[in-house]
């Protein structure tokens, strides 16, 4: 019986029913809300919200993120490989080093 309950489709349906029940209980316990002007406004620890739009830039950190993504994925690939010190591994390492140097130099 326990192996049937742990099959992914049945477990997903059980969790879905559990989450639906808990969410429904939360809606019942929450009660009705009253409309207020301040509910839709931004809250910044008591300060007035800024009127200028924020423009977070991810351009400077994208190269660093890509560098570490290539680095981590290449270590994962090399760590999970079964061949050791073959010419293919050396060629792969050479390609990874070229890619990382290209990312460093921009």
C-alpha atoms as a PDB file:
ATOM      1  CA  UNK A   1       0.000   0.000   0.000  1.00  0.00           C
ATOM      2  CA  UNK A   2       2.820   2.431   0.802  1.00  0.00           C
ATOM      3  CA  UNK A   3       4.439   1.908  -2.591  1.00  0.00           C
ATOM      4  CA  UNK A   4       1.171   2.852  -4.311  1.00  0.00           C
ATOM      5  CA  UNK A   5       0.899   6.043  -2.266  1.00  0.00           C
ATOM      6  CA  UNK A   6       4.423   7.070  -3.248  1.00  0.00           C
ATOM      7  CA  UNK A   7       3.886   6.892  -7.005  1.00  0.00           C
ATOM      8  CA  UNK A   8       4.385  10.419  -8.409  1.00  0.00           C
ATOM      9  CA  UNK A   9       0.915  10.935  -9.977  1.00  0.00           C
ATOM     10  CA  UNK A  10      -0.954   9.773  -6.878  1.00  0.00           C
ATOM     11  CA  UNK A  11       1.365  11.663  -4.523  1.00  0.00           C
ATOM     12  CA  UNK A  12       0.859  14.812  -6.620  1.00  0.00           C
ATOM     13  CA  UNK A  13      -2.927  14.438  -6.408  1.00  0.00           C
ATOM     14  CA  UNK A  14      -2.764  13.873  -2.654  1.00  0.00           C
ATOM     15  CA  UNK A  15      -0.593  16.957  -2.187  1.00  0.00           C
ATOM     16  CA  UNK A  16      -2.925  18.937  -4.450  1.00  0.00           C
ATOM     17  CA  UNK A  17      -5.920  17.969  -2.297  1.00  0.00           C
ATOM     18  CA  UNK A  18      -3.993  18.786   0.888  1.00  0.00           C
ATOM     19  CA  UNK A  19      -2.896  22.205  -0.404  1.00  0.00           C
ATOM     20  CA  UNK A  20      -6.406  22.970  -1.648  1.00  0.00           C
ATOM     21  CA  UNK A  21      -7.861  22.078   1.742  1.00  0.00           C
ATOM     22  CA  UNK A  22      -5.342  24.237   3.596  1.00  0.00           C
ATOM     23  CA  UNK A  23      -5.843  27.160   1.202  1.00  0.00           C
ATOM     24  CA  UNK A  24      -9.620  26.886   1.548  1.00  0.00           C
ATOM     25  CA  UNK A  25      -9.319  26.840   5.351  1.00  0.00           C
ATOM     26  CA  UNK A  26      -7.139  29.953   5.123  1.00  0.00           C
ATOM     27  CA  UNK A  27      -9.742  31.759   3.013  1.00  0.00           C
ATOM     28  CA  UNK A  28     -12.474  30.844   5.521  1.00  0.00           C
ATOM     29  CA  UNK A  29     -10.424  31.925   8.532  1.00  0.00           C
ATOM     30  CA  UNK A  30      -9.246  35.181   6.934  1.00  0.00           C
ATOM     31  CA  UNK A  31     -12.673  36.782   6.811  1.00  0.00           C
ATOM     32  CA  UNK A  32     -13.707  39.666   4.613  1.00  0.00           C
ATOM     33  CA  UNK A  33     -11.379  42.549   3.880  1.00  0.00           C
ATOM     34  CA  UNK A  34     -12.336  46.206   3.783  1.00  0.00           C
ATOM     35  CA  UNK A  35     -11.290  48.409   0.890  1.00  0.00           C
ATOM     36  CA  UNK A  36      -8.730  51.047   1.854  1.00  0.00           C
ATOM     37  CA  UNK A  37      -6.617  53.497  -0.099  1.00  0.00           C
ATOM     38  CA  UNK A  38      -3.355  52.437   1.547  1.00  0.00           C
ATOM     39  CA  UNK A  39      -3.780  48.719   0.720  1.00  0.00           C
ATOM     40  CA  UNK A  40      -2.732  49.231  -2.900  1.00  0.00           C
ATOM     41  CA  UNK A  41       0.155  51.605  -2.201  1.00  0.00           C
ATOM     42  CA  UNK A  42       3.820  50.676  -1.967  1.00  0.00           C
ATOM     43  CA  UNK A  43       5.274  50.425   1.525  1.00  0.00           C
ATOM     44  CA  UNK A  44       8.901  51.301   2.095  1.00  0.00           C
ATOM     45  CA  UNK A  45       9.219  51.188   5.900  1.00  0.00           C
ATOM     46  CA  UNK A  46       7.234  54.332   6.431  1.00  0.00           C
ATOM     47  CA  UNK A  47       8.911  56.394   3.729  1.00  0.00           C
ATOM     48  CA  UNK A  48       7.172  57.835   0.707  1.00  0.00           C
ATOM     49  CA  UNK A  49       7.493  55.763  -2.430  1.00  0.00           C
ATOM     50  CA  UNK A  50       9.883  56.982  -5.108  1.00  0.00           C
ATOM     51  CA  UNK A  51       8.279  58.539  -8.172  1.00  0.00           C
ATOM     52  CA  UNK A  52      11.164  57.741 -10.525  1.00  0.00           C
ATOM     53  CA  UNK A  53      11.055  54.276 -12.085  1.00  0.00           C
ATOM     54  CA  UNK A  54      13.730  51.891 -10.933  1.00  0.00           C
ATOM     55  CA  UNK A  55      15.913  50.384 -13.624  1.00  0.00           C
ATOM     56  CA  UNK A  56      17.914  47.509 -12.230  1.00  0.00           C
ATOM     57  CA  UNK A  57      20.633  46.574 -14.649  1.00  0.00           C
ATOM     58  CA  UNK A  58      21.721  42.989 -14.962  1.00  0.00           C
ATOM     59  CA  UNK A  59      24.178  43.619 -17.748  1.00  0.00           C
ATOM     60  CA  UNK A  60      27.244  43.816 -15.541  1.00  0.00           C
ATOM     61  CA  UNK A  61      26.510  40.626 -13.630  1.00  0.00           C
ATOM     62  CA  UNK A  62      25.471  38.559 -16.659  1.00  0.00           C
ATOM     63  CA  UNK A  63      29.050  37.820 -17.697  1.00  0.00           C
ATOM     64  CA  UNK A  64      29.964  36.728 -14.177  1.00  0.00           C
ATOM     65  CA  UNK A  65      26.897  34.491 -13.966  1.00  0.00           C
ATOM     66  CA  UNK A  66      27.693  32.948 -17.337  1.00  0.00           C
ATOM     67  CA  UNK A  67      31.313  32.389 -16.282  1.00  0.00           C
ATOM     68  CA  UNK A  68      30.284  30.478 -13.172  1.00  0.00           C
ATOM     69  CA  UNK A  69      27.584  28.567 -15.054  1.00  0.00           C
ATOM     70  CA  UNK A  70      30.145  27.350 -17.604  1.00  0.00           C
ATOM     71  CA  UNK A  71      32.606  26.558 -14.828  1.00  0.00           C
ATOM     72  CA  UNK A  72      30.141  24.579 -12.721  1.00  0.00           C
ATOM     73  CA  UNK A  73      28.653  22.697 -15.642  1.00  0.00           C
ATOM     74  CA  UNK A  74      32.069  21.745 -16.962  1.00  0.00           C
ATOM     75  CA  UNK A  75      33.116  20.428 -13.540  1.00  0.00           C
ATOM     76  CA  UNK A  76      29.860  18.480 -13.376  1.00  0.00           C
ATOM     77  CA  UNK A  77      30.488  17.002 -16.810  1.00  0.00           C
ATOM     78  CA  UNK A  78      34.076  16.071 -16.001  1.00  0.00           C
ATOM     79  CA  UNK A  79      33.176  14.681 -12.584  1.00  0.00           C
ATOM     80  CA  UNK A  80      30.460  12.440 -13.951  1.00  0.00           C
ATOM     81  CA  UNK A  81      32.538  11.139 -16.861  1.00  0.00           C
ATOM     82  CA  UNK A  82      33.949   7.631 -16.791  1.00  0.00           C
ATOM     83  CA  UNK A  83      36.959   8.226 -19.015  1.00  0.00           C
ATOM     84  CA  UNK A  84      40.133   9.501 -17.361  1.00  0.00           C
ATOM     85  CA  UNK A  85      43.014  11.292 -19.104  1.00  0.00           C
ATOM     86  CA  UNK A  86      41.873  10.473 -22.593  1.00  0.00           C
ATOM     87  CA  UNK A  87      42.472  12.855 -25.495  1.00  0.00           C
ATOM     88  CA  UNK A  88      38.748  13.685 -25.490  1.00  0.00           C
ATOM     89  CA  UNK A  89      38.945  14.968 -21.893  1.00  0.00           C
ATOM     90  CA  UNK A  90      41.969  17.108 -22.748  1.00  0.00           C
ATOM     91  CA  UNK A  91      40.130  18.515 -25.767  1.00  0.00           C
ATOM     92  CA  UNK A  92      37.077  19.238 -23.587  1.00  0.00           C
ATOM     93  CA  UNK A  93      39.220  20.994 -20.977  1.00  0.00           C
ATOM     94  CA  UNK A  94      40.878  23.055 -23.695  1.00  0.00           C
ATOM     95  CA  UNK A  95      37.457  24.123 -24.986  1.00  0.00           C
ATOM     96  CA  UNK A  96      36.290  25.048 -21.480  1.00  0.00           C
ATOM     97  CA  UNK A  97      39.442  27.088 -20.885  1.00  0.00           C
ATOM     98  CA  UNK A  98      38.951  28.962 -24.161  1.00  0.00           C
ATOM     99  CA  UNK A  99      35.305  29.664 -23.272  1.00  0.00           C
ATOM    100  CA  UNK A 100      36.246  30.931 -19.801  1.00  0.00           C
ATOM    101  CA  UNK A 101      39.038  33.131 -21.187  1.00  0.00           C
ATOM    102  CA  UNK A 102      36.605  34.554 -23.729  1.00  0.00           C
ATOM    103  CA  UNK A 103      34.171  35.339 -20.920  1.00  0.00           C
ATOM    104  CA  UNK A 104      36.889  36.978 -18.831  1.00  0.00           C
ATOM    105  CA  UNK A 105      38.118  39.170 -21.654  1.00  0.00           C
ATOM    106  CA  UNK A 106      34.629  40.168 -22.602  1.00  0.00           C
END
